[in-house]
Amino acid sequence: EEQCKKEGIEVLIGQSFFRANGKALALGEPDGLCKLIFDKE
């Protein structure tokens, strides 16, 4: 996201947390974040 700001790229951000993922909870691994960056245009 920092690189996109420097390059003047407008972005859309998507996030999800591992604590809402069934497999992660079954594994006993609830700590986690997935962050996706999309070019807005």
PDB file of all heavy atoms in Angstrom:
ATOM      1  N   GLU A   1       0.838  -1.196   0.000  1.00  0.00           N
ATOM      2  CA  GLU A   1       0.000   0.000   0.000  1.00  0.00           C
ATOM      3  C   GLU A   1       0.875   1.249   0.000  1.00  0.00           C
ATOM      4  O   GLU A   1       0.573   2.242  -0.676  1.00  0.00           O
ATOM      5  CB  GLU A   1      -0.915  -0.008   1.217  1.00  0.00           C
ATOM      6  CG  GLU A   1      -1.955   1.102   1.217  1.00  0.00           C
ATOM      7  CD  GLU A   1      -2.929   1.009   2.378  1.00  0.00           C
ATOM      8  OE1 GLU A   1      -2.839   0.047   3.158  1.00  0.00           O
ATOM      9  OE2 GLU A   1      -3.771   1.917   2.496  1.00  0.00           O
ATOM     10  N   GLU A   2       2.011   1.189   0.726  1.00  0.00           N
ATOM     11  CA  GLU A   2       2.929   2.335   0.780  1.00  0.00           C
ATOM     12  C   GLU A   2       3.522   2.627  -0.593  1.00  0.00           C
ATOM     13  O   GLU A   2       3.639   3.794  -0.995  1.00  0.00           O
ATOM     14  CB  GLU A   2       4.056   2.052   1.785  1.00  0.00           C
ATOM     15  CG  GLU A   2       3.600   2.000   3.245  1.00  0.00           C
ATOM     16  CD  GLU A   2       3.057   0.652   3.671  1.00  0.00           C
ATOM     17  OE1 GLU A   2       2.939  -0.262   2.814  1.00  0.00           O
ATOM     18  OE2 GLU A   2       2.726   0.489   4.859  1.00  0.00           O
ATOM     19  N   GLN A   3       3.890   1.587  -1.336  1.00  0.00           N
ATOM     20  CA  GLN A   3       4.435   1.775  -2.686  1.00  0.00           C
ATOM     21  C   GLN A   3       3.403   2.406  -3.606  1.00  0.00           C
ATOM     22  O   GLN A   3       3.722   3.292  -4.412  1.00  0.00           O
ATOM     23  CB  GLN A   3       4.893   0.431  -3.259  1.00  0.00           C
ATOM     24  CG  GLN A   3       6.184  -0.099  -2.664  1.00  0.00           C
ATOM     25  CD  GLN A   3       6.503  -1.494  -3.170  1.00  0.00           C
ATOM     26  OE1 GLN A   3       5.603  -2.317  -3.396  1.00  0.00           O
ATOM     27  NE2 GLN A   3       7.782  -1.787  -3.347  1.00  0.00           N
ATOM     28  N   CYS A   4       2.170   1.959  -3.483  1.00  0.00           N
ATOM     29  CA  CYS A   4       1.106   2.503  -4.331  1.00  0.00           C
ATOM     30  C   CYS A   4       0.910   3.999  -4.070  1.00  0.00           C
ATOM     31  O   CYS A   4       0.704   4.784  -5.005  1.00  0.00           O
ATOM     32  CB  CYS A   4      -0.195   1.746  -4.091  1.00  0.00           C
ATOM     33  SG  CYS A   4      -0.166   0.044  -4.708  1.00  0.00           S
ATOM     34  N   LYS A   5       0.978   4.393  -2.805  1.00  0.00           N
ATOM     35  CA  LYS A   5       0.839   5.812  -2.469  1.00  0.00           C
ATOM     36  C   LYS A   5       1.963   6.627  -3.097  1.00  0.00           C
ATOM     37  O   LYS A   5       1.734   7.701  -3.655  1.00  0.00           O
ATOM     38  CB  LYS A   5       0.849   5.993  -0.953  1.00  0.00           C
ATOM     39  CG  LYS A   5      -0.439   5.548  -0.267  1.00  0.00           C
ATOM     40  CD  LYS A   5      -0.353   5.709   1.246  1.00  0.00           C
ATOM     41  CE  LYS A   5      -1.633   5.224   1.926  1.00  0.00           C
ATOM     42  NZ  LYS A   5      -1.537   5.293   3.414  1.00  0.00           N
ATOM     43  N   LYS A   6       3.194   6.111  -3.020  1.00  0.00           N
ATOM     44  CA  LYS A   6       4.332   6.820  -3.599  1.00  0.00           C
ATOM     45  C   LYS A   6       4.220   6.942  -5.109  1.00  0.00           C
ATOM     46  O   LYS A   6       4.640   7.932  -5.702  1.00  0.00           O
ATOM     47  CB  LYS A   6       5.635   6.093  -3.244  1.00  0.00           C
ATOM     48  CG  LYS A   6       6.075   6.270  -1.802  1.00  0.00           C
ATOM     49  CD  LYS A   6       7.399   5.546  -1.544  1.00  0.00           C
ATOM     50  CE  LYS A   6       7.831   5.701  -0.090  1.00  0.00           C
ATOM     51  NZ  LYS A   6       9.092   4.961   0.187  1.00  0.00           N
ATOM     52  N   GLU A   7       3.651   5.912  -5.747  1.00  0.00           N
ATOM     53  CA  GLU A   7       3.538   5.893  -7.199  1.00  0.00           C
ATOM     54  C   GLU A   7       2.255   6.549  -7.694  1.00  0.00           C
ATOM     55  O   GLU A   7       2.004   6.612  -8.899  1.00  0.00           O
ATOM     56  CB  GLU A   7       3.617   4.452  -7.707  1.00  0.00           C
ATOM     57  CG  GLU A   7       4.967   3.798  -7.447  1.00  0.00           C
ATOM     58  CD  GLU A   7       4.987   2.322  -7.830  1.00  0.00           C
ATOM     59  OE1 GLU A   7       4.163   1.923  -8.673  1.00  0.00           O
ATOM     60  OE2 GLU A   7       5.826   1.581  -7.286  1.00  0.00           O
ATOM     61  N   GLY A   8       1.428   7.025  -6.772  1.00  0.00           N
ATOM     62  CA  GLY A   8       0.189   7.702  -7.154  1.00  0.00           C
ATOM     63  C   GLY A   8      -0.876   6.772  -7.706  1.00  0.00           C
ATOM     64  O   GLY A   8      -1.730   7.196  -8.493  1.00  0.00           O
ATOM     65  N   ILE A   9      -0.838   5.511  -7.295  1.00  0.00           N
ATOM     66  CA  ILE A   9      -1.834   4.539  -7.758  1.00  0.00           C
ATOM     67  C   ILE A   9      -2.998   4.503  -6.766  1.00  0.00           C
ATOM     68  O   ILE A   9      -2.811   4.223  -5.586  1.00  0.00           O
ATOM     69  CB  ILE A   9      -1.215   3.124  -7.866  1.00  0.00           C
ATOM     70  CG1 ILE A   9      -0.030   3.124  -8.836  1.00  0.00           C
ATOM     71  CG2 ILE A   9      -2.271   2.109  -8.307  1.00  0.00           C
ATOM     72  CD1 ILE A   9       0.742   1.814  -8.851  1.00  0.00           C
ATOM     73  N   GLU A  10      -4.190   4.821  -7.245  1.00  0.00           N
ATOM     74  CA  GLU A  10      -5.375   4.716  -6.390  1.00  0.00           C
ATOM     75  C   GLU A  10      -5.751   3.248  -6.234  1.00  0.00           C
ATOM     76  O   GLU A  10      -5.790   2.504  -7.226  1.00  0.00           O
ATOM     77  CB  GLU A  10      -6.549   5.492  -7.000  1.00  0.00           C
ATOM     78  CG  GLU A  10      -6.408   7.004  -6.879  1.00  0.00           C
ATOM     79  CD  GLU A  10      -7.715   7.708  -7.201  1.00  0.00           C
ATOM     80  OE1 GLU A  10      -8.634   7.651  -6.356  1.00  0.00           O
ATOM     81  OE2 GLU A  10      -7.809   8.292  -8.291  1.00  0.00           O
ATOM     82  N   VAL A  11      -6.015   2.833  -5.010  1.00  0.00           N
ATOM     83  CA  VAL A  11      -6.221   1.415  -4.771  1.00  0.00           C
ATOM     84  C   VAL A  11      -7.515   1.135  -4.027  1.00  0.00           C
ATOM     85  O   VAL A  11      -8.106   2.017  -3.401  1.00  0.00           O
ATOM     86  CB  VAL A  11      -5.041   0.815  -3.958  1.00  0.00           C
ATOM     87  CG1 VAL A  11      -3.739   0.952  -4.731  1.00  0.00           C
ATOM     88  CG2 VAL A  11      -4.936   1.445  -2.576  1.00  0.00           C
ATOM     89  N   LEU A  12      -7.924  -0.119  -4.106  1.00  0.00           N
ATOM     90  CA  LEU A  12      -9.013  -0.662  -3.306  1.00  0.00           C
ATOM     91  C   LEU A  12      -8.391  -1.750  -2.425  1.00  0.00           C
ATOM     92  O   LEU A  12      -7.585  -2.556  -2.905  1.00  0.00           O
ATOM     93  CB  LEU A  12     -10.094  -1.265  -4.196  1.00  0.00           C
ATOM     94  CG  LEU A  12     -10.796  -0.302  -5.166  1.00  0.00           C
ATOM     95  CD1 LEU A  12     -11.649  -1.087  -6.149  1.00  0.00           C
ATOM     96  CD2 LEU A  12     -11.643   0.698  -4.395  1.00  0.00           C
ATOM     97  N   ILE A  13      -8.747  -1.758  -1.147  1.00  0.00           N
ATOM     98  CA  ILE A  13      -8.159  -2.697  -0.199  1.00  0.00           C
ATOM     99  C   ILE A  13      -9.211  -3.691   0.277  1.00  0.00           C
ATOM    100  O   ILE A  13     -10.320  -3.305   0.653  1.00  0.00           O
ATOM    101  CB  ILE A  13      -7.573  -1.966   1.030  1.00  0.00           C
ATOM    102  CG1 ILE A  13      -6.547  -0.908   0.602  1.00  0.00           C
ATOM    103  CG2 ILE A  13      -6.948  -2.975   2.003  1.00  0.00           C
ATOM    104  CD1 ILE A  13      -5.293  -1.447   0.004  1.00  0.00           C
ATOM    105  N   GLY A  14      -8.853  -4.966   0.261  1.00  0.00           N
ATOM    106  CA  GLY A  14      -9.716  -6.002   0.818  1.00  0.00           C
ATOM    107  C   GLY A  14      -8.988  -6.726   1.938  1.00  0.00           C
ATOM    108  O   GLY A  14      -7.800  -7.031   1.805  1.00  0.00           O
ATOM    109  N   GLN A  15      -9.679  -6.982   3.044  1.00  0.00           N
ATOM    110  CA  GLN A  15      -9.051  -7.660   4.172  1.00  0.00           C
ATOM    111  C   GLN A  15      -9.956  -8.755   4.718  1.00  0.00           C
ATOM    112  O   GLN A  15     -11.183  -8.636   4.684  1.00  0.00           O
ATOM    113  CB  GLN A  15      -8.747  -6.669   5.306  1.00  0.00           C
ATOM    114  CG  GLN A  15      -7.671  -5.655   4.981  1.00  0.00           C
ATOM    115  CD  GLN A  15      -7.278  -4.821   6.189  1.00  0.00           C
ATOM    116  OE1 GLN A  15      -7.987  -4.808   7.199  1.00  0.00           O
ATOM    117  NE2 GLN A  15      -6.156  -4.136   6.100  1.00  0.00           N
ATOM    118  N   SER A  16      -9.322  -9.812   5.197  1.00  0.00           N
ATOM    119  CA  SER A  16     -10.067 -10.840   5.928  1.00  0.00           C
ATOM    120  C   SER A  16      -9.172 -11.366   7.041  1.00  0.00           C
ATOM    121  O   SER A  16      -7.943 -11.290   6.950  1.00  0.00           O
ATOM    122  CB  SER A  16     -10.491 -11.986   5.000  1.00  0.00           C
ATOM    123  OG  SER A  16      -9.366 -12.676   4.498  1.00  0.00           O
ATOM    124  N   PHE A  17      -9.807 -11.883   8.080  1.00  0.00           N
ATOM    125  CA  PHE A  17      -9.061 -12.340   9.250  1.00  0.00           C
ATOM    126  C   PHE A  17      -9.168 -13.851   9.406  1.00  0.00           C
ATOM    127  O   PHE A  17     -10.215 -14.451   9.161  1.00  0.00           O
ATOM    128  CB  PHE A  17      -9.588 -11.626  10.503  1.00  0.00           C
ATOM    129  CG  PHE A  17      -9.351 -10.139  10.475  1.00  0.00           C
ATOM    130  CD1 PHE A  17     -10.320  -9.280   9.954  1.00  0.00           C
ATOM    131  CD2 PHE A  17      -8.162  -9.609  10.927  1.00  0.00           C
ATOM    132  CE1 PHE A  17     -10.096  -7.906   9.902  1.00  0.00           C
ATOM    133  CE2 PHE A  17      -7.925  -8.237  10.880  1.00  0.00           C
ATOM    134  CZ  PHE A  17      -8.892  -7.383  10.366  1.00  0.00           C
ATOM    135  N   PHE A  18      -8.071 -14.455   9.817  1.00  0.00           N
ATOM    136  CA  PHE A  18      -8.005 -15.906   9.953  1.00  0.00           C
ATOM    137  C   PHE A  18      -8.966 -16.410  11.030  1.00  0.00           C
ATOM    138  O   PHE A  18      -9.400 -17.568  10.972  1.00  0.00           O
ATOM    139  CB  PHE A  18      -6.574 -16.346  10.272  1.00  0.00           C
ATOM    140  CG  PHE A  18      -5.664 -16.401   9.063  1.00  0.00           C
ATOM    141  CD1 PHE A  18      -5.531 -15.315   8.204  1.00  0.00           C
ATOM    142  CD2 PHE A  18      -4.936 -17.545   8.791  1.00  0.00           C
ATOM    143  CE1 PHE A  18      -4.696 -15.357   7.112  1.00  0.00           C
ATOM    144  CE2 PHE A  18      -4.091 -17.613   7.694  1.00  0.00           C
ATOM    145  CZ  PHE A  18      -3.976 -16.512   6.847  1.00  0.00           C
ATOM    146  N   ARG A  19      -9.303 -15.562  11.985  1.00  0.00           N
ATOM    147  CA  ARG A  19     -10.192 -16.010  13.060  1.00  0.00           C
ATOM    148  C   ARG A  19     -11.601 -16.312  12.541  1.00  0.00           C
ATOM    149  O   ARG A  19     -12.405 -16.929  13.260  1.00  0.00           O
ATOM    150  CB  ARG A  19     -10.257 -14.961  14.171  1.00  0.00           C
ATOM    151  CG  ARG A  19     -10.830 -13.617  13.754  1.00  0.00           C
ATOM    152  CD  ARG A  19     -10.972 -12.676  14.941  1.00  0.00           C
ATOM    153  NE  ARG A  19     -11.439 -11.356  14.559  1.00  0.00           N
ATOM    154  CZ  ARG A  19     -10.651 -10.317  14.335  1.00  0.00           C
ATOM    155  NH1 ARG A  19      -9.334 -10.451  14.479  1.00  0.00           N
ATOM    156  NH2 ARG A  19     -11.139  -9.142  13.987  1.00  0.00           N
ATOM    157  N   ALA A  20     -11.901 -15.884  11.288  1.00  0.00           N
ATOM    158  CA  ALA A  20     -13.204 -16.194  10.689  1.00  0.00           C
ATOM    159  C   ALA A  20     -13.108 -17.338   9.691  1.00  0.00           C
ATOM    160  O   ALA A  20     -14.080 -17.650   9.006  1.00  0.00           O
ATOM    161  CB  ALA A  20     -13.759 -14.949   9.990  1.00  0.00           C
ATOM    162  N   ASN A  21     -11.926 -17.973   9.598  1.00  0.00           N
ATOM    163  CA  ASN A  21     -11.715 -19.059   8.639  1.00  0.00           C
ATOM    164  C   ASN A  21     -11.809 -20.409   9.358  1.00  0.00           C
ATOM    165  O   ASN A  21     -11.081 -20.666  10.323  1.00  0.00           O
ATOM    166  CB  ASN A  21     -10.340 -18.894   7.980  1.00  0.00           C
ATOM    167  CG  ASN A  21     -10.004 -20.010   7.004  1.00  0.00           C
ATOM    168  OD1 ASN A  21      -9.441 -21.022   7.384  1.00  0.00           O
ATOM    169  ND2 ASN A  21     -10.352 -19.815   5.749  1.00  0.00           N
ATOM    170  N   GLY A  22     -12.700 -21.270   8.882  1.00  0.00           N
ATOM    171  CA  GLY A  22     -12.954 -22.544   9.550  1.00  0.00           C
ATOM    172  C   GLY A  22     -11.720 -23.423   9.661  1.00  0.00           C
ATOM    173  O   GLY A  22     -11.455 -24.023  10.712  1.00  0.00           O
ATOM    174  N   LYS A  23     -10.935 -23.540   8.594  1.00  0.00           N
ATOM    175  CA  LYS A  23      -9.754 -24.406   8.623  1.00  0.00           C
ATOM    176  C   LYS A  23      -8.710 -23.864   9.597  1.00  0.00           C
ATOM    177  O   LYS A  23      -8.090 -24.638  10.347  1.00  0.00           O
ATOM    178  CB  LYS A  23      -9.158 -24.499   7.209  1.00  0.00           C
ATOM    179  CG  LYS A  23      -7.909 -25.379   7.096  1.00  0.00           C
ATOM    180  CD  LYS A  23      -8.195 -26.840   7.322  1.00  0.00           C
ATOM    181  CE  LYS A  23      -6.943 -27.716   7.172  1.00  0.00           C
ATOM    182  NZ  LYS A  23      -6.435 -27.752   5.776  1.00  0.00           N
ATOM    183  N   ALA A  24      -8.504 -22.541   9.605  1.00  0.00           N
ATOM    184  CA  ALA A  24      -7.524 -21.947  10.519  1.00  0.00           C
ATOM    185  C   ALA A  24      -7.909 -22.224  11.971  1.00  0.00           C
ATOM    186  O   ALA A  24      -7.055 -22.569  12.797  1.00  0.00           O
ATOM    187  CB  ALA A  24      -7.405 -20.443  10.271  1.00  0.00           C
ATOM    188  N   LEU A  25      -9.201 -22.105  12.282  1.00  0.00           N
ATOM    189  CA  LEU A  25      -9.653 -22.368  13.648  1.00  0.00           C
ATOM    190  C   LEU A  25      -9.504 -23.847  13.996  1.00  0.00           C
ATOM    191  O   LEU A  25      -9.105 -24.199  15.102  1.00  0.00           O
ATOM    192  CB  LEU A  25     -11.106 -21.934  13.818  1.00  0.00           C
ATOM    193  CG  LEU A  25     -11.362 -20.416  13.807  1.00  0.00           C
ATOM    194  CD1 LEU A  25     -12.853 -20.143  13.975  1.00  0.00           C
ATOM    195  CD2 LEU A  25     -10.576 -19.712  14.885  1.00  0.00           C
ATOM    196  N   ALA A  26      -9.799 -24.717  13.028  1.00  0.00           N
ATOM    197  CA  ALA A  26      -9.653 -26.152  13.262  1.00  0.00           C
ATOM    198  C   ALA A  26      -8.194 -26.516  13.525  1.00  0.00           C
ATOM    199  O   ALA A  26      -7.895 -27.426  14.305  1.00  0.00           O
ATOM    200  CB  ALA A  26     -10.180 -26.936  12.068  1.00  0.00           C
ATOM    201  N   LEU A  27      -7.283 -25.801  12.888  1.00  0.00           N
ATOM    202  CA  LEU A  27      -5.853 -26.028  13.084  1.00  0.00           C
ATOM    203  C   LEU A  27      -5.347 -25.411  14.385  1.00  0.00           C
ATOM    204  O   LEU A  27      -4.202 -25.642  14.782  1.00  0.00           O
ATOM    205  CB  LEU A  27      -5.057 -25.431  11.910  1.00  0.00           C
ATOM    206  CG  LEU A  27      -5.196 -26.116  10.549  1.00  0.00           C
ATOM    207  CD1 LEU A  27      -4.509 -25.282   9.471  1.00  0.00           C
ATOM    208  CD2 LEU A  27      -4.615 -27.522  10.584  1.00  0.00           C
ATOM    209  N   GLY A  28      -6.172 -24.600  15.024  1.00  0.00           N
ATOM    210  CA  GLY A  28      -5.730 -23.894  16.226  1.00  0.00           C
ATOM    211  C   GLY A  28      -4.836 -22.722  15.893  1.00  0.00           C
ATOM    212  O   GLY A  28      -3.953 -22.344  16.673  1.00  0.00           O
ATOM    213  N   GLU A  29      -5.055 -22.127  14.705  1.00  0.00           N
ATOM    214  CA  GLU A  29      -4.214 -21.014  14.226  1.00  0.00           C
ATOM    215  C   GLU A  29      -5.088 -19.803  13.881  1.00  0.00           C
ATOM    216  O   GLU A  29      -5.246 -19.444  12.717  1.00  0.00           O
ATOM    217  CB  GLU A  29      -3.424 -21.453  12.980  1.00  0.00           C
ATOM    218  CG  GLU A  29      -2.501 -22.638  13.183  1.00  0.00           C
ATOM    219  CD  GLU A  29      -1.234 -22.273  13.924  1.00  0.00           C
ATOM    220  OE1 GLU A  29      -1.036 -21.072  14.209  1.00  0.00           O
ATOM    221  OE2 GLU A  29      -0.434 -23.171  14.224  1.00  0.00           O
ATOM    222  N   PRO A  30      -5.673 -19.152  14.871  1.00  0.00           N
ATOM    223  CA  PRO A  30      -6.602 -18.057  14.588  1.00  0.00           C
ATOM    224  C   PRO A  30      -5.936 -16.713  14.284  1.00  0.00           C
ATOM    225  O   PRO A  30      -6.607 -15.791  13.814  1.00  0.00           O
ATOM    226  CB  PRO A  30      -7.405 -17.954  15.885  1.00  0.00           C
ATOM    227  CG  PRO A  30      -6.413 -18.370  16.944  1.00  0.00           C
ATOM    228  CD  PRO A  30      -5.578 -19.438  16.317  1.00  0.00           C
ATOM    229  N   ASP A  31      -4.622 -16.591  14.563  1.00  0.00           N
ATOM    230  CA  ASP A  31      -3.938 -15.312  14.344  1.00  0.00           C
ATOM    231  C   ASP A  31      -3.577 -15.161  12.879  1.00  0.00           C
ATOM    232  O   ASP A  31      -2.812 -15.951  12.328  1.00  0.00           O
ATOM    233  CB  ASP A  31      -2.651 -15.236  15.189  1.00  0.00           C
ATOM    234  CG  ASP A  31      -2.932 -15.090  16.667  1.00  0.00           C
ATOM    235  OD1 ASP A  31      -3.955 -14.471  17.009  1.00  0.00           O
ATOM    236  OD2 ASP A  31      -2.145 -15.610  17.475  1.00  0.00           O
ATOM    237  N   GLY A  32      -4.128 -14.142  12.243  1.00  0.00           N
ATOM    238  CA  GLY A  32      -3.758 -13.936  10.849  1.00  0.00           C
ATOM    239  C   GLY A  32      -4.597 -12.888  10.155  1.00  0.00           C
ATOM    240  O   GLY A  32      -5.730 -12.590  10.545  1.00  0.00           O
ATOM    241  N   LEU A  33      -4.009 -12.336   9.103  1.00  0.00           N
ATOM    242  CA  LEU A  33      -4.656 -11.294   8.299  1.00  0.00           C
ATOM    243  C   LEU A  33      -4.271 -11.496   6.839  1.00  0.00           C
ATOM    244  O   LEU A  33      -3.108 -11.743   6.522  1.00  0.00           O
ATOM    245  CB  LEU A  33      -4.197  -9.916   8.768  1.00  0.00           C
ATOM    246  CG  LEU A  33      -4.500  -8.717   7.850  1.00  0.00           C
ATOM    247  CD1 LEU A  33      -6.001  -8.437   7.811  1.00  0.00           C
ATOM    248  CD2 LEU A  33      -3.734  -7.482   8.316  1.00  0.00           C
ATOM    249  N   CYS A  34      -5.243 -11.384   5.953  1.00  0.00           N
ATOM    250  CA  CYS A  34      -5.003 -11.389   4.507  1.00  0.00           C
ATOM    251  C   CYS A  34      -5.404 -10.017   3.966  1.00  0.00           C
ATOM    252  O   CYS A  34      -6.548  -9.585   4.147  1.00  0.00           O
ATOM    253  CB  CYS A  34      -5.820 -12.479   3.825  1.00  0.00           C
ATOM    254  SG  CYS A  34      -5.719 -12.458   2.011  1.00  0.00           S
ATOM    255  N   LYS A  35      -4.479  -9.355   3.335  1.00  0.00           N
ATOM    256  CA  LYS A  35      -4.722  -8.016   2.797  1.00  0.00           C
ATOM    257  C   LYS A  35      -4.433  -8.028   1.295  1.00  0.00           C
ATOM    258  O   LYS A  35      -3.319  -8.314   0.870  1.00  0.00           O
ATOM    259  CB  LYS A  35      -3.821  -6.991   3.497  1.00  0.00           C
ATOM    260  CG  LYS A  35      -3.939  -5.566   2.971  1.00  0.00           C
ATOM    261  CD  LYS A  35      -3.044  -4.625   3.773  1.00  0.00           C
ATOM    262  CE  LYS A  35      -3.117  -3.198   3.256  1.00  0.00           C
ATOM    263  NZ  LYS A  35      -2.268  -2.277   4.061  1.00  0.00           N
ATOM    264  N   LEU A  36      -5.442  -7.737   0.511  1.00  0.00           N
ATOM    265  CA  LEU A  36      -5.306  -7.690  -0.943  1.00  0.00           C
ATOM    266  C   LEU A  36      -5.391  -6.252  -1.435  1.00  0.00           C
ATOM    267  O   LEU A  36      -6.181  -5.456  -0.916  1.00  0.00           O
ATOM    268  CB  LEU A  36      -6.407  -8.518  -1.616  1.00  0.00           C
ATOM    269  CG  LEU A  36      -6.511  -9.994  -1.234  1.00  0.00           C
ATOM    270  CD1 LEU A  36      -7.615 -10.668  -2.052  1.00  0.00           C
ATOM    271  CD2 LEU A  36      -5.183 -10.714  -1.432  1.00  0.00           C
ATOM    272  N   ILE A  37      -4.581  -5.929  -2.426  1.00  0.00           N
ATOM    273  CA  ILE A  37      -4.552  -4.578  -2.991  1.00  0.00           C
ATOM    274  C   ILE A  37      -4.922  -4.652  -4.465  1.00  0.00           C
ATOM    275  O   ILE A  37      -4.299  -5.392  -5.239  1.00  0.00           O
ATOM    276  CB  ILE A  37      -3.158  -3.940  -2.813  1.00  0.00           C
ATOM    277  CG1 ILE A  37      -2.798  -3.867  -1.328  1.00  0.00           C
ATOM    278  CG2 ILE A  37      -3.113  -2.557  -3.442  1.00  0.00           C
ATOM    279  CD1 ILE A  37      -1.392  -3.356  -1.058  1.00  0.00           C
ATOM    280  N   PHE A  38      -5.935  -3.882  -4.849  1.00  0.00           N
ATOM    281  CA  PHE A  38      -6.398  -3.833  -6.233  1.00  0.00           C
ATOM    282  C   PHE A  38      -6.212  -2.424  -6.792  1.00  0.00           C
ATOM    283  O   PHE A  38      -6.410  -1.433  -6.081  1.00  0.00           O
ATOM    284  CB  PHE A  38      -7.886  -4.205  -6.334  1.00  0.00           C
ATOM    285  CG  PHE A  38      -8.202  -5.604  -5.887  1.00  0.00           C
ATOM    286  CD1 PHE A  38      -8.486  -5.875  -4.552  1.00  0.00           C
ATOM    287  CD2 PHE A  38      -8.225  -6.643  -6.800  1.00  0.00           C
ATOM    288  CE1 PHE A  38      -8.795  -7.167  -4.131  1.00  0.00           C
ATOM    289  CE2 PHE A  38      -8.534  -7.941  -6.381  1.00  0.00           C
ATOM    290  CZ  PHE A  38      -8.812  -8.198  -5.051  1.00  0.00           C
ATOM    291  N   ASP A  39      -5.832  -2.340  -8.058  1.00  0.00           N
ATOM    292  CA  ASP A  39      -5.781  -1.051  -8.747  1.00  0.00           C
ATOM    293  C   ASP A  39      -7.225  -0.578  -8.951  1.00  0.00           C
ATOM    294  O   ASP A  39      -8.055  -1.291  -9.528  1.00  0.00           O
ATOM    295  CB  ASP A  39      -5.073  -1.223 -10.097  1.00  0.00           C
ATOM    296  CG  ASP A  39      -4.918   0.094 -10.844  1.00  0.00           C
ATOM    297  OD1 ASP A  39      -5.945   0.702 -11.204  1.00  0.00           O
ATOM    298  OD2 ASP A  39      -3.773   0.511 -11.075  1.00  0.00           O
ATOM    299  N   LYS A  40      -7.530   0.631  -8.448  1.00  0.00           N
ATOM    300  CA  LYS A  40      -8.912   1.124  -8.487  1.00  0.00           C
ATOM    301  C   LYS A  40      -9.422   1.283  -9.915  1.00  0.00           C
ATOM    302  O   LYS A  40     -10.595   0.995 -10.208  1.00  0.00           O
ATOM    303  CB  LYS A  40      -9.020   2.458  -7.745  1.00  0.00           C
ATOM    304  CG  LYS A  40     -10.444   2.965  -7.593  1.00  0.00           C
ATOM    305  CD  LYS A  40     -10.501   4.220  -6.740  1.00  0.00           C
ATOM    306  CE  LYS A  40     -11.932   4.706  -6.563  1.00  0.00           C
ATOM    307  NZ  LYS A  40     -12.021   5.915  -5.718  1.00  0.00           N
ATOM    308  N   GLU A  41      -8.545   1.725 -10.805  1.00  0.00           N
ATOM    309  CA  GLU A  41      -8.970   1.990 -12.181  1.00  0.00           C
ATOM    310  C   GLU A  41      -9.173   0.690 -12.961  1.00  0.00           C
ATOM    311  O   GLU A  41     -10.225   0.482 -13.577  1.00  0.00           O
ATOM    312  CB  GLU A  41      -7.939   2.867 -12.888  1.00  0.00           C
ATOM    313  CG  GLU A  41      -8.333   3.235 -14.308  1.00  0.00           C
ATOM    314  CD  GLU A  41      -7.320   4.139 -14.984  1.00  0.00           C
ATOM    315  OE1 GLU A  41      -6.377   4.609 -14.307  1.00  0.00           O
ATOM    316  OE2 GLU A  41      -7.459   4.368 -16.208  1.00  0.00           O
TER     317      GLU A  41
END
